């Protein structure tokens, strides 16, 4: 029986034979089309997992758009448009207001989609279509031993934001309305060897980049910038929802955007990660996975 997200994706890989699928090891599909490269991604959000029941639907719409735009950012793509899959809820007008605001912000026109109604928790989906601004579009699979590992900013802000939202006080913006780094992704695309966004935790996503590239990534935990109290560093490295860009590049690269060096790529070892010299693999609960006992809402 397929019982975990990783096992389910592994079963899907045998069907994903088109080269544009990149072996399902990437954030997006990348398909050559005429003289362009189309970048395609689809993300879903589930009530009670990715957002709180009773949360402002305008914020939910924003987050649905931003998470998909973040995948395009990791490919250095610019948005072409989106397709929406929407389960009707209790305040559809507020969702529409947030959707319109987010699409205008990211200059991503609505191209179509589908609406349904049903019982139980609300499920939402968005397909984002982009155009690669640099070819080949960055993948997770290009890191090479000897290169430096960078992140564009701090992790832990969304974790703290959810706690503020639940408490009804404090700054919850990072959780409610994350920011996709599209401009940064486009600027970095010509310079990086591998790149992805941090959605499920910097440790888990670094492990995914390492596996796809066939390297081991050695991380310095203290070097990873934090938007949470220091005593919660270990938790923040595993929490996710921060949507920073994680990438590798030769150590002497002049980067076009601010970024922090947090480690290096090494030849492959028994595990994809070394955290302060300690070997870690995906079974060490590196971040958020579906069918986990944990939830982000």
C-alpha atoms as a PDB file:
ATOM      1  CA  UNK A   1       0.000   0.000   0.000  1.00  0.00           C
ATOM      2  CA  UNK A   2       1.231   3.500  -0.862  1.00  0.00           C
ATOM      3  CA  UNK A   3       1.242   5.105   2.587  1.00  0.00           C
ATOM      4  CA  UNK A   4       3.386   8.230   2.410  1.00  0.00           C
ATOM      5  CA  UNK A   5       3.743  11.261   0.159  1.00  0.00           C
ATOM      6  CA  UNK A   6       7.255  10.157  -0.842  1.00  0.00           C
ATOM      7  CA  UNK A   7       6.061   6.658  -1.748  1.00  0.00           C
ATOM      8  CA  UNK A   8       3.136   8.016  -3.757  1.00  0.00           C
ATOM      9  CA  UNK A   9       5.408  10.334  -5.741  1.00  0.00           C
ATOM     10  CA  UNK A  10       7.816   7.470  -6.339  1.00  0.00           C
ATOM     11  CA  UNK A  11       4.929   5.458  -7.832  1.00  0.00           C
ATOM     12  CA  UNK A  12       3.992   8.392 -10.079  1.00  0.00           C
ATOM     13  CA  UNK A  13       7.503   8.682 -11.501  1.00  0.00           C
ATOM     14  CA  UNK A  14       7.089   5.651 -13.731  1.00  0.00           C
ATOM     15  CA  UNK A  15       4.218   7.472 -15.482  1.00  0.00           C
ATOM     16  CA  UNK A  16       6.046  10.803 -15.832  1.00  0.00           C
ATOM     17  CA  UNK A  17       8.081   9.825 -18.880  1.00  0.00           C
ATOM     18  CA  UNK A  18       7.923  13.144 -20.754  1.00  0.00           C
ATOM     19  CA  UNK A  19      11.250  14.990 -20.461  1.00  0.00           C
ATOM     20  CA  UNK A  20       9.357  18.105 -19.426  1.00  0.00           C
ATOM     21  CA  UNK A  21       8.349  16.366 -16.197  1.00  0.00           C
ATOM     22  CA  UNK A  22      12.011  16.328 -15.109  1.00  0.00           C
ATOM     23  CA  UNK A  23      11.424  12.992 -13.404  1.00  0.00           C
ATOM     24  CA  UNK A  24       9.115  14.701 -10.874  1.00  0.00           C
ATOM     25  CA  UNK A  25      12.288  15.834  -9.109  1.00  0.00           C
ATOM     26  CA  UNK A  26      11.572  19.521  -9.680  1.00  0.00           C
ATOM     27  CA  UNK A  27       9.205  22.309  -8.662  1.00  0.00           C
ATOM     28  CA  UNK A  28       7.707  22.603 -12.151  1.00  0.00           C
ATOM     29  CA  UNK A  29       7.425  21.015 -15.555  1.00  0.00           C
ATOM     30  CA  UNK A  30       9.418  22.799 -18.250  1.00  0.00           C
ATOM     31  CA  UNK A  31       8.312  22.253 -21.848  1.00  0.00           C
ATOM     32  CA  UNK A  32       9.910  23.686 -24.968  1.00  0.00           C
ATOM     33  CA  UNK A  33       7.202  25.303 -27.076  1.00  0.00           C
ATOM     34  CA  UNK A  34       8.252  27.061 -30.251  1.00  0.00           C
ATOM     35  CA  UNK A  35      11.033  29.419 -29.318  1.00  0.00           C
ATOM     36  CA  UNK A  36       9.961  29.579 -25.668  1.00  0.00           C
ATOM     37  CA  UNK A  37      10.089  27.317 -22.620  1.00  0.00           C
ATOM     38  CA  UNK A  38       6.777  27.039 -20.780  1.00  0.00           C
ATOM     39  CA  UNK A  39       6.964  26.520 -17.012  1.00  0.00           C
ATOM     40  CA  UNK A  40       3.972  24.746 -15.449  1.00  0.00           C
ATOM     41  CA  UNK A  41       3.169  24.120 -11.794  1.00  0.00           C
ATOM     42  CA  UNK A  42       0.151  23.153  -9.703  1.00  0.00           C
ATOM     43  CA  UNK A  43      -0.257  23.545  -5.953  1.00  0.00           C
ATOM     44  CA  UNK A  44      -3.194  22.710  -3.708  1.00  0.00           C
ATOM     45  CA  UNK A  45      -4.312  23.961  -0.302  1.00  0.00           C
ATOM     46  CA  UNK A  46      -6.587  22.137   2.142  1.00  0.00           C
ATOM     47  CA  UNK A  47      -8.586  23.730   4.951  1.00  0.00           C
ATOM     48  CA  UNK A  48      -7.143  22.796   8.324  1.00  0.00           C
ATOM     49  CA  UNK A  49      -3.788  21.806   6.804  1.00  0.00           C
ATOM     50  CA  UNK A  50      -2.579  24.849   4.866  1.00  0.00           C
ATOM     51  CA  UNK A  51      -4.884  27.445   6.405  1.00  0.00           C
ATOM     52  CA  UNK A  52      -7.129  27.771   9.434  1.00  0.00           C
ATOM     53  CA  UNK A  53     -10.848  27.157   9.313  1.00  0.00           C
ATOM     54  CA  UNK A  54     -12.455  30.588   9.604  1.00  0.00           C
ATOM     55  CA  UNK A  55      -9.400  32.397   8.218  1.00  0.00           C
ATOM     56  CA  UNK A  56     -10.066  35.414   5.989  1.00  0.00           C
ATOM     57  CA  UNK A  57     -10.718  33.980   2.481  1.00  0.00           C
ATOM     58  CA  UNK A  58      -8.937  36.982   0.923  1.00  0.00           C
ATOM     59  CA  UNK A  59      -5.719  35.882   2.639  1.00  0.00           C
ATOM     60  CA  UNK A  60      -6.314  32.273   1.551  1.00  0.00           C
ATOM     61  CA  UNK A  61      -6.621  33.394  -2.075  1.00  0.00           C
ATOM     62  CA  UNK A  62      -3.431  35.425  -1.787  1.00  0.00           C
ATOM     63  CA  UNK A  63      -1.511  32.477  -0.368  1.00  0.00           C
ATOM     64  CA  UNK A  64      -2.813  30.108  -3.057  1.00  0.00           C
ATOM     65  CA  UNK A  65      -1.506  32.434  -5.761  1.00  0.00           C
ATOM     66  CA  UNK A  66       1.777  33.230  -3.993  1.00  0.00           C
ATOM     67  CA  UNK A  67       2.744  29.597  -3.419  1.00  0.00           C
ATOM     68  CA  UNK A  68       2.375  28.861  -7.126  1.00  0.00           C
ATOM     69  CA  UNK A  69       4.218  32.037  -8.087  1.00  0.00           C
ATOM     70  CA  UNK A  70       7.050  30.926  -5.805  1.00  0.00           C
ATOM     71  CA  UNK A  71       7.479  27.764  -7.869  1.00  0.00           C
ATOM     72  CA  UNK A  72       7.749  29.923 -10.990  1.00  0.00           C
ATOM     73  CA  UNK A  73      10.324  32.077  -9.182  1.00  0.00           C
ATOM     74  CA  UNK A  74      12.523  29.033  -8.619  1.00  0.00           C
ATOM     75  CA  UNK A  75      12.653  28.572 -12.416  1.00  0.00           C
ATOM     76  CA  UNK A  76      13.408  32.221 -13.118  1.00  0.00           C
ATOM     77  CA  UNK A  77      10.057  32.438 -14.907  1.00  0.00           C
ATOM     78  CA  UNK A  78       7.640  35.281 -15.438  1.00  0.00           C
ATOM     79  CA  UNK A  79       3.904  34.568 -15.085  1.00  0.00           C
ATOM     80  CA  UNK A  80       1.722  34.015 -18.143  1.00  0.00           C
ATOM     81  CA  UNK A  81      -1.507  33.173 -16.296  1.00  0.00           C
ATOM     82  CA  UNK A  82      -3.306  30.814 -13.929  1.00  0.00           C
ATOM     83  CA  UNK A  83      -6.120  28.254 -13.856  1.00  0.00           C
ATOM     84  CA  UNK A  84      -8.186  28.065 -10.664  1.00  0.00           C
ATOM     85  CA  UNK A  85      -9.799  25.018  -9.057  1.00  0.00           C
ATOM     86  CA  UNK A  86     -12.199  26.241  -6.373  1.00  0.00           C
ATOM     87  CA  UNK A  87     -14.528  24.567  -3.912  1.00  0.00           C
ATOM     88  CA  UNK A  88     -17.302  27.018  -3.039  1.00  0.00           C
ATOM     89  CA  UNK A  89     -17.129  28.178   0.577  1.00  0.00           C
ATOM     90  CA  UNK A  90     -18.860  30.418   3.089  1.00  0.00           C
ATOM     91  CA  UNK A  91     -17.533  33.763   1.822  1.00  0.00           C
ATOM     92  CA  UNK A  92     -16.730  33.464  -1.853  1.00  0.00           C
ATOM     93  CA  UNK A  93     -16.851  37.256  -2.303  1.00  0.00           C
ATOM     94  CA  UNK A  94     -13.900  37.714   0.061  1.00  0.00           C
ATOM     95  CA  UNK A  95     -11.965  34.999  -1.763  1.00  0.00           C
ATOM     96  CA  UNK A  96     -12.604  36.735  -5.083  1.00  0.00           C
ATOM     97  CA  UNK A  97     -11.397  40.048  -3.647  1.00  0.00           C
ATOM     98  CA  UNK A  98      -8.148  38.474  -2.456  1.00  0.00           C
ATOM     99  CA  UNK A  99      -7.700  36.584  -5.707  1.00  0.00           C
ATOM    100  CA  UNK A 100      -8.079  39.755  -7.757  1.00  0.00           C
ATOM    101  CA  UNK A 101      -5.589  41.572  -5.547  1.00  0.00           C
ATOM    102  CA  UNK A 102      -3.000  38.768  -5.742  1.00  0.00           C
ATOM    103  CA  UNK A 103      -3.303  38.302  -9.502  1.00  0.00           C
ATOM    104  CA  UNK A 104      -2.882  42.034 -10.043  1.00  0.00           C
ATOM    105  CA  UNK A 105       0.168  42.096  -7.742  1.00  0.00           C
ATOM    106  CA  UNK A 106       1.889  39.271  -9.611  1.00  0.00           C
ATOM    107  CA  UNK A 107       0.607  40.344 -13.039  1.00  0.00           C
ATOM    108  CA  UNK A 108      -0.814  36.866 -13.614  1.00  0.00           C
ATOM    109  CA  UNK A 109      -4.152  36.933 -15.494  1.00  0.00           C
ATOM    110  CA  UNK A 110      -6.846  34.358 -14.782  1.00  0.00           C
ATOM    111  CA  UNK A 111      -7.204  32.096 -17.830  1.00  0.00           C
ATOM    112  CA  UNK A 112      -9.851  29.629 -16.638  1.00  0.00           C
ATOM    113  CA  UNK A 113     -10.425  26.728 -14.269  1.00  0.00           C
ATOM    114  CA  UNK A 114     -13.319  24.975 -12.520  1.00  0.00           C
ATOM    115  CA  UNK A 115     -15.618  25.438  -9.526  1.00  0.00           C
ATOM    116  CA  UNK A 116     -17.308  22.705  -7.492  1.00  0.00           C
ATOM    117  CA  UNK A 117     -19.322  22.373  -4.292  1.00  0.00           C
ATOM    118  CA  UNK A 118     -19.200  19.618  -1.723  1.00  0.00           C
ATOM    119  CA  UNK A 119     -19.329  18.637   1.916  1.00  0.00           C
ATOM    120  CA  UNK A 120     -16.373  18.541   4.275  1.00  0.00           C
ATOM    121  CA  UNK A 121     -13.209  20.618   4.242  1.00  0.00           C
ATOM    122  CA  UNK A 122     -12.530  23.045   1.442  1.00  0.00           C
ATOM    123  CA  UNK A 123      -9.952  22.093  -1.206  1.00  0.00           C
ATOM    124  CA  UNK A 124      -8.349  24.655  -3.509  1.00  0.00           C
ATOM    125  CA  UNK A 125      -5.980  24.286  -6.441  1.00  0.00           C
ATOM    126  CA  UNK A 126      -4.145  26.596  -8.802  1.00  0.00           C
ATOM    127  CA  UNK A 127      -2.156  25.881 -11.942  1.00  0.00           C
ATOM    128  CA  UNK A 128       0.360  28.579 -12.806  1.00  0.00           C
ATOM    129  CA  UNK A 129       1.841  28.961 -16.263  1.00  0.00           C
ATOM    130  CA  UNK A 130       5.056  30.873 -16.779  1.00  0.00           C
ATOM    131  CA  UNK A 131       7.661  31.667 -19.398  1.00  0.00           C
ATOM    132  CA  UNK A 132      11.312  30.915 -18.700  1.00  0.00           C
ATOM    133  CA  UNK A 133      13.422  34.067 -18.909  1.00  0.00           C
ATOM    134  CA  UNK A 134      16.693  32.110 -18.981  1.00  0.00           C
ATOM    135  CA  UNK A 135      17.382  28.789 -20.694  1.00  0.00           C
ATOM    136  CA  UNK A 136      17.876  26.223 -19.506  1.00  0.00           C
ATOM    137  CA  UNK A 137      15.500  27.021 -16.664  1.00  0.00           C
ATOM    138  CA  UNK A 138      17.166  26.192 -13.328  1.00  0.00           C
ATOM    139  CA  UNK A 139      16.406  22.776 -11.881  1.00  0.00           C
ATOM    140  CA  UNK A 140      16.995  21.082  -8.563  1.00  0.00           C
ATOM    141  CA  UNK A 141      19.469  18.790 -10.265  1.00  0.00           C
ATOM    142  CA  UNK A 142      22.446  20.947 -11.226  1.00  0.00           C
ATOM    143  CA  UNK A 143      24.437  21.358  -8.000  1.00  0.00           C
ATOM    144  CA  UNK A 144      28.064  20.212  -8.146  1.00  0.00           C
ATOM    145  CA  UNK A 145      30.551  19.359  -5.410  1.00  0.00           C
ATOM    146  CA  UNK A 146      32.570  22.384  -4.365  1.00  0.00           C
ATOM    147  CA  UNK A 147      29.783  24.892  -4.977  1.00  0.00           C
ATOM    148  CA  UNK A 148      28.309  27.103  -2.253  1.00  0.00           C
ATOM    149  CA  UNK A 149      24.750  26.794  -0.948  1.00  0.00           C
ATOM    150  CA  UNK A 150      22.790  30.007  -0.417  1.00  0.00           C
ATOM    151  CA  UNK A 151      19.382  31.173   0.821  1.00  0.00           C
ATOM    152  CA  UNK A 152      17.780  34.523   0.033  1.00  0.00           C
ATOM    153  CA  UNK A 153      16.466  35.247   3.537  1.00  0.00           C
ATOM    154  CA  UNK A 154      15.332  34.119   6.939  1.00  0.00           C
ATOM    155  CA  UNK A 155      13.232  31.085   7.857  1.00  0.00           C
ATOM    156  CA  UNK A 156      10.747  30.787  10.697  1.00  0.00           C
ATOM    157  CA  UNK A 157       8.640  33.852   9.885  1.00  0.00           C
ATOM    158  CA  UNK A 158       5.621  31.809   8.787  1.00  0.00           C
ATOM    159  CA  UNK A 159       5.855  29.627  11.887  1.00  0.00           C
ATOM    160  CA  UNK A 160       5.745  32.706  14.091  1.00  0.00           C
ATOM    161  CA  UNK A 161       3.016  34.209  11.927  1.00  0.00           C
ATOM    162  CA  UNK A 162       0.708  31.231  12.410  1.00  0.00           C
ATOM    163  CA  UNK A 163       1.168  31.457  16.167  1.00  0.00           C
ATOM    164  CA  UNK A 164       0.329  35.173  16.059  1.00  0.00           C
ATOM    165  CA  UNK A 165      -2.771  34.458  13.976  1.00  0.00           C
ATOM    166  CA  UNK A 166      -3.967  31.794  16.400  1.00  0.00           C
ATOM    167  CA  UNK A 167      -3.312  34.086  19.358  1.00  0.00           C
ATOM    168  CA  UNK A 168      -5.098  37.014  17.715  1.00  0.00           C
ATOM    169  CA  UNK A 169      -2.152  39.318  18.300  1.00  0.00           C
ATOM    170  CA  UNK A 170       1.248  39.989  16.772  1.00  0.00           C
ATOM    171  CA  UNK A 171       2.442  39.997  13.164  1.00  0.00           C
ATOM    172  CA  UNK A 172       0.865  37.170  11.160  1.00  0.00           C
ATOM    173  CA  UNK A 173       1.542  38.587   7.687  1.00  0.00           C
ATOM    174  CA  UNK A 174       4.301  36.116   6.745  1.00  0.00           C
ATOM    175  CA  UNK A 175       1.896  33.218   7.227  1.00  0.00           C
ATOM    176  CA  UNK A 176      -1.204  34.857   5.773  1.00  0.00           C
ATOM    177  CA  UNK A 177       0.377  36.549   2.768  1.00  0.00           C
ATOM    178  CA  UNK A 178       3.768  35.086   1.824  1.00  0.00           C
ATOM    179  CA  UNK A 179       5.758  36.819  -0.893  1.00  0.00           C
ATOM    180  CA  UNK A 180       6.936  35.022  -4.021  1.00  0.00           C
ATOM    181  CA  UNK A 181      10.418  36.175  -5.048  1.00  0.00           C
ATOM    182  CA  UNK A 182       9.807  36.396  -8.795  1.00  0.00           C
ATOM    183  CA  UNK A 183      12.206  39.256  -9.496  1.00  0.00           C
ATOM    184  CA  UNK A 184      14.939  37.604  -7.441  1.00  0.00           C
ATOM    185  CA  UNK A 185      14.427  34.304  -9.241  1.00  0.00           C
ATOM    186  CA  UNK A 186      14.719  35.932 -12.654  1.00  0.00           C
ATOM    187  CA  UNK A 187      17.904  37.734 -11.599  1.00  0.00           C
ATOM    188  CA  UNK A 188      19.468  34.563 -10.190  1.00  0.00           C
ATOM    189  CA  UNK A 189      18.531  32.188 -13.009  1.00  0.00           C
ATOM    190  CA  UNK A 190      21.600  32.886 -15.210  1.00  0.00           C
ATOM    191  CA  UNK A 191      23.987  32.427 -12.258  1.00  0.00           C
ATOM    192  CA  UNK A 192      22.784  29.388 -10.305  1.00  0.00           C
ATOM    193  CA  UNK A 193      23.502  25.711 -10.888  1.00  0.00           C
ATOM    194  CA  UNK A 194      20.389  24.541  -8.981  1.00  0.00           C
ATOM    195  CA  UNK A 195      17.491  26.383  -7.347  1.00  0.00           C
ATOM    196  CA  UNK A 196      14.180  25.707  -5.591  1.00  0.00           C
ATOM    197  CA  UNK A 197      11.878  27.485  -3.161  1.00  0.00           C
ATOM    198  CA  UNK A 198      11.665  26.618   0.530  1.00  0.00           C
ATOM    199  CA  UNK A 199       8.088  25.467   1.098  1.00  0.00           C
ATOM    200  CA  UNK A 200       8.375  22.396   3.338  1.00  0.00           C
ATOM    201  CA  UNK A 201      11.347  23.335   5.523  1.00  0.00           C
ATOM    202  CA  UNK A 202      14.893  24.321   4.622  1.00  0.00           C
ATOM    203  CA  UNK A 203      16.299  20.955   5.723  1.00  0.00           C
ATOM    204  CA  UNK A 204      13.801  18.834   3.793  1.00  0.00           C
ATOM    205  CA  UNK A 205      14.043  21.004   0.697  1.00  0.00           C
ATOM    206  CA  UNK A 206      17.854  20.994   0.857  1.00  0.00           C
ATOM    207  CA  UNK A 207      17.705  17.197   1.023  1.00  0.00           C
ATOM    208  CA  UNK A 208      15.525  17.173  -2.092  1.00  0.00           C
ATOM    209  CA  UNK A 209      17.960  19.421  -3.947  1.00  0.00           C
ATOM    210  CA  UNK A 210      20.851  17.202  -2.859  1.00  0.00           C
ATOM    211  CA  UNK A 211      19.110  14.007  -4.001  1.00  0.00           C
ATOM    212  CA  UNK A 212      18.199  15.498  -7.369  1.00  0.00           C
ATOM    213  CA  UNK A 213      21.764  16.734  -7.889  1.00  0.00           C
ATOM    214  CA  UNK A 214      23.553  13.617  -6.654  1.00  0.00           C
ATOM    215  CA  UNK A 215      25.517  15.486  -3.978  1.00  0.00           C
ATOM    216  CA  UNK A 216      25.566  15.837  -0.207  1.00  0.00           C
ATOM    217  CA  UNK A 217      24.872  19.310   1.135  1.00  0.00           C
ATOM    218  CA  UNK A 218      26.787  20.309   4.260  1.00  0.00           C
ATOM    219  CA  UNK A 219      24.845  22.977   6.172  1.00  0.00           C
ATOM    220  CA  UNK A 220      25.998  25.262   8.957  1.00  0.00           C
ATOM    221  CA  UNK A 221      22.916  25.579  11.170  1.00  0.00           C
ATOM    222  CA  UNK A 222      24.089  28.825  12.794  1.00  0.00           C
ATOM    223  CA  UNK A 223      24.571  30.458   9.380  1.00  0.00           C
ATOM    224  CA  UNK A 224      20.924  30.006   8.362  1.00  0.00           C
ATOM    225  CA  UNK A 225      19.182  33.357   8.978  1.00  0.00           C
ATOM    226  CA  UNK A 226      16.316  33.133  11.437  1.00  0.00           C
ATOM    227  CA  UNK A 227      13.044  35.042  11.873  1.00  0.00           C
ATOM    228  CA  UNK A 228      12.226  33.253  15.136  1.00  0.00           C
ATOM    229  CA  UNK A 229      13.742  33.113  18.628  1.00  0.00           C
ATOM    230  CA  UNK A 230      17.135  31.406  18.716  1.00  0.00           C
ATOM    231  CA  UNK A 231      15.905  28.647  21.039  1.00  0.00           C
ATOM    232  CA  UNK A 232      13.479  27.606  18.288  1.00  0.00           C
ATOM    233  CA  UNK A 233      16.100  27.344  15.550  1.00  0.00           C
ATOM    234  CA  UNK A 234      15.762  23.576  15.161  1.00  0.00           C
ATOM    235  CA  UNK A 235      11.988  23.882  14.782  1.00  0.00           C
ATOM    236  CA  UNK A 236      12.241  26.777  12.321  1.00  0.00           C
ATOM    237  CA  UNK A 237      14.627  24.822  10.073  1.00  0.00           C
ATOM    238  CA  UNK A 238      11.941  22.143   9.703  1.00  0.00           C
ATOM    239  CA  UNK A 239       8.755  24.219   9.589  1.00  0.00           C
ATOM    240  CA  UNK A 240       8.548  25.610   6.046  1.00  0.00           C
ATOM    241  CA  UNK A 241       6.097  28.000   4.367  1.00  0.00           C
ATOM    242  CA  UNK A 242       8.820  30.662   4.102  1.00  0.00           C
ATOM    243  CA  UNK A 243       9.225  30.668   0.281  1.00  0.00           C
ATOM    244  CA  UNK A 244      12.804  31.853   0.280  1.00  0.00           C
ATOM    245  CA  UNK A 245      14.947  30.682  -2.649  1.00  0.00           C
ATOM    246  CA  UNK A 246      17.544  28.004  -1.926  1.00  0.00           C
ATOM    247  CA  UNK A 247      20.284  27.670  -4.541  1.00  0.00           C
ATOM    248  CA  UNK A 248      23.819  26.610  -5.364  1.00  0.00           C
ATOM    249  CA  UNK A 249      26.427  28.508  -7.342  1.00  0.00           C
ATOM    250  CA  UNK A 250      30.219  28.573  -7.638  1.00  0.00           C
ATOM    251  CA  UNK A 251      31.607  30.199  -4.519  1.00  0.00           C
ATOM    252  CA  UNK A 252      33.175  33.080  -6.454  1.00  0.00           C
ATOM    253  CA  UNK A 253      29.921  34.027  -8.222  1.00  0.00           C
ATOM    254  CA  UNK A 254      28.940  37.687  -7.940  1.00  0.00           C
ATOM    255  CA  UNK A 255      25.296  37.287  -6.955  1.00  0.00           C
ATOM    256  CA  UNK A 256      22.791  39.841  -8.295  1.00  0.00           C
ATOM    257  CA  UNK A 257      20.570  39.734  -5.174  1.00  0.00           C
ATOM    258  CA  UNK A 258      21.270  39.585  -1.432  1.00  0.00           C
ATOM    259  CA  UNK A 259      21.731  36.025  -0.169  1.00  0.00           C
ATOM    260  CA  UNK A 260      23.402  34.241   2.733  1.00  0.00           C
ATOM    261  CA  UNK A 261      25.856  31.388   2.313  1.00  0.00           C
ATOM    262  CA  UNK A 262      24.683  28.522   4.530  1.00  0.00           C
ATOM    263  CA  UNK A 263      26.785  25.584   3.367  1.00  0.00           C
ATOM    264  CA  UNK A 264      28.421  23.805   0.480  1.00  0.00           C
ATOM    265  CA  UNK A 265      27.914  20.904  -1.881  1.00  0.00           C
ATOM    266  CA  UNK A 266      30.154  17.866  -1.394  1.00  0.00           C
ATOM    267  CA  UNK A 267      30.548  14.544  -3.171  1.00  0.00           C
ATOM    268  CA  UNK A 268      27.643  12.157  -2.469  1.00  0.00           C
ATOM    269  CA  UNK A 269      27.717  10.304   0.833  1.00  0.00           C
ATOM    270  CA  UNK A 270      25.303   7.950   2.595  1.00  0.00           C
ATOM    271  CA  UNK A 271      22.861  10.773   3.387  1.00  0.00           C
ATOM    272  CA  UNK A 272      21.865  13.874   1.408  1.00  0.00           C
ATOM    273  CA  UNK A 273      22.570  16.265   4.302  1.00  0.00           C
ATOM    274  CA  UNK A 274      25.204  17.025   6.879  1.00  0.00           C
ATOM    275  CA  UNK A 275      23.977  19.474   9.523  1.00  0.00           C
ATOM    276  CA  UNK A 276      26.959  20.715  11.489  1.00  0.00           C
ATOM    277  CA  UNK A 277      28.659  17.475  10.454  1.00  0.00           C
ATOM    278  CA  UNK A 278      25.771  15.227  11.537  1.00  0.00           C
ATOM    279  CA  UNK A 279      24.376  12.977   8.774  1.00  0.00           C
ATOM    280  CA  UNK A 280      20.651  13.458   8.113  1.00  0.00           C
ATOM    281  CA  UNK A 281      18.216  11.829   5.695  1.00  0.00           C
ATOM    282  CA  UNK A 282      14.549  12.277   4.869  1.00  0.00           C
ATOM    283  CA  UNK A 283      13.572   9.753   7.585  1.00  0.00           C
ATOM    284  CA  UNK A 284      14.880  12.154  10.228  1.00  0.00           C
ATOM    285  CA  UNK A 285      11.731  14.318  10.000  1.00  0.00           C
ATOM    286  CA  UNK A 286      13.435  17.132   8.152  1.00  0.00           C
ATOM    287  CA  UNK A 287      10.249  19.061   7.356  1.00  0.00           C
ATOM    288  CA  UNK A 288       6.566  18.960   6.499  1.00  0.00           C
ATOM    289  CA  UNK A 289       5.200  15.972   4.591  1.00  0.00           C
ATOM    290  CA  UNK A 290       1.581  15.006   3.978  1.00  0.00           C
ATOM    291  CA  UNK A 291       0.267  12.131   6.115  1.00  0.00           C
ATOM    292  CA  UNK A 292       2.527  13.494   8.817  1.00  0.00           C
ATOM    293  CA  UNK A 293       0.886  13.714  12.242  1.00  0.00           C
ATOM    294  CA  UNK A 294       1.686  17.425  12.163  1.00  0.00           C
ATOM    295  CA  UNK A 295      -0.131  20.206  10.368  1.00  0.00           C
ATOM    296  CA  UNK A 296       0.698  23.779   9.475  1.00  0.00           C
ATOM    297  CA  UNK A 297      -2.735  25.159  10.376  1.00  0.00           C
END
